Amino acid sequence: MDMFDFLEATPDEINKGIAARVRTVRKRRKISQVKLSEKSGVSLGSVKRFESTGEISLLSLTKMLSQLNVEQELKQISATC
């Protein structure tokens, strides 16, 4: 998914955009949903639901992002808080 304006996007659109980005990173790194689930400790159902709907708990999202090695992005987000 291309970048979009967070100020004009709805929360649902933002969640779906994040999910699309995570899916792209996962696929680019050739990590299956099953493997991401196993490595992150997030259930496979949650991984699948997140990628299709954008719905997930913050804790589960953080676990998945850590396993995808996107710490720099996480640091940028948390630095703005």
Protein backbone atom coordinates (compact mmCIF):
# COMPACT_ATOMS: atom_id res chain seq x y z
CA MET A 1 0.00 0.00 0.00
CA ASP A 2 1.26 3.47 -0.79
CA MET A 3 1.73 6.05 1.90
CA PHE A 4 -1.45 7.85 2.83
CA ASP A 5 -2.31 10.91 4.85
CA PHE A 6 -2.82 9.79 8.45
CA LEU A 7 -4.59 13.04 9.22
CA GLU A 8 -7.28 12.33 6.64
CA ALA A 9 -7.51 8.56 7.08
CA THR A 10 -9.99 6.85 9.34
CA PRO A 11 -8.67 4.57 12.10
CA ASP A 12 -9.85 1.58 10.06
CA GLU A 13 -7.94 2.82 7.00
CA ILE A 14 -4.81 3.35 9.10
CA ASN A 15 -5.05 -0.17 10.56
CA LYS A 16 -5.52 -1.70 7.11
CA GLY A 17 -2.58 0.31 5.79
CA ILE A 18 -0.35 -0.93 8.60
CA ALA A 19 -1.52 -4.50 7.99
CA ALA A 20 -0.73 -4.20 4.27
CA ARG A 21 2.75 -2.89 5.06
CA VAL A 22 3.42 -5.70 7.53
CA ARG A 23 2.22 -8.28 4.99
CA THR A 24 4.53 -6.77 2.35
CA VAL A 25 7.52 -6.90 4.70
CA ARG A 26 6.70 -10.48 5.70
CA LYS A 27 6.40 -11.65 2.10
CA ARG A 28 9.51 -9.75 0.97
CA ARG A 29 11.46 -11.59 3.66
CA LYS A 30 9.89 -14.90 2.57
CA ILE A 31 8.34 -15.56 5.97
CA SER A 32 5.09 -17.52 5.97
CA GLN A 33 2.19 -16.62 8.22
CA VAL A 34 2.77 -19.91 10.04
CA LYS A 35 6.45 -19.11 10.63
CA LEU A 36 5.65 -15.57 11.83
CA SER A 37 3.03 -17.01 14.17
CA GLU A 38 5.48 -19.54 15.60
CA LYS A 39 8.34 -17.07 16.02
CA SER A 40 6.23 -14.28 17.51
CA GLY A 41 3.97 -16.35 19.74
CA VAL A 42 0.92 -14.77 18.09
CA SER A 43 -1.75 -17.26 17.06
CA LEU A 44 -2.00 -18.06 13.36
CA GLY A 45 -5.64 -16.93 13.41
CA SER A 46 -4.58 -13.53 14.75
CA VAL A 47 -1.90 -13.14 12.07
CA LYS A 48 -4.40 -14.02 9.33
CA ARG A 49 -7.10 -11.77 10.77
CA PHE A 50 -4.68 -8.87 11.08
CA GLU A 51 -3.50 -9.16 7.49
CA SER A 52 -7.06 -9.30 6.17
CA THR A 53 -8.81 -6.79 8.45
CA GLY A 54 -6.15 -4.77 10.26
CA GLU A 55 -7.54 -5.88 13.63
CA ILE A 56 -5.03 -7.00 16.28
CA SER A 57 -4.00 -6.18 19.83
CA LEU A 58 -1.12 -3.78 20.28
CA LEU A 59 0.86 -6.44 22.14
CA SER A 60 0.46 -8.96 19.30
CA LEU A 61 1.40 -6.33 16.71
CA THR A 62 4.54 -5.45 18.67
CA LYS A 63 5.52 -9.12 18.91
CA MET A 64 5.13 -9.58 15.15
CA LEU A 65 7.02 -6.39 14.32
CA SER A 66 9.89 -7.45 16.57
CA GLN A 67 10.16 -10.77 14.72
CA LEU A 68 10.16 -8.96 11.38
CA ASN A 69 13.11 -6.86 12.57
CA VAL A 70 11.50 -3.49 12.08
CA GLU A 71 12.84 -2.03 15.31
CA GLN A 72 13.94 1.19 13.59
CA GLU A 73 10.37 1.89 12.55
CA LEU A 74 9.15 1.14 16.07
CA LYS A 75 11.74 3.52 17.51
CA GLN A 76 10.58 6.27 15.15
CA ILE A 77 6.96 5.78 16.19
CA SER A 78 7.72 5.70 19.91
CA ALA A 79 10.06 8.71 19.67
CA THR A 80 7.15 10.88 18.53
CA CYS A 81 5.03 10.01 21.57
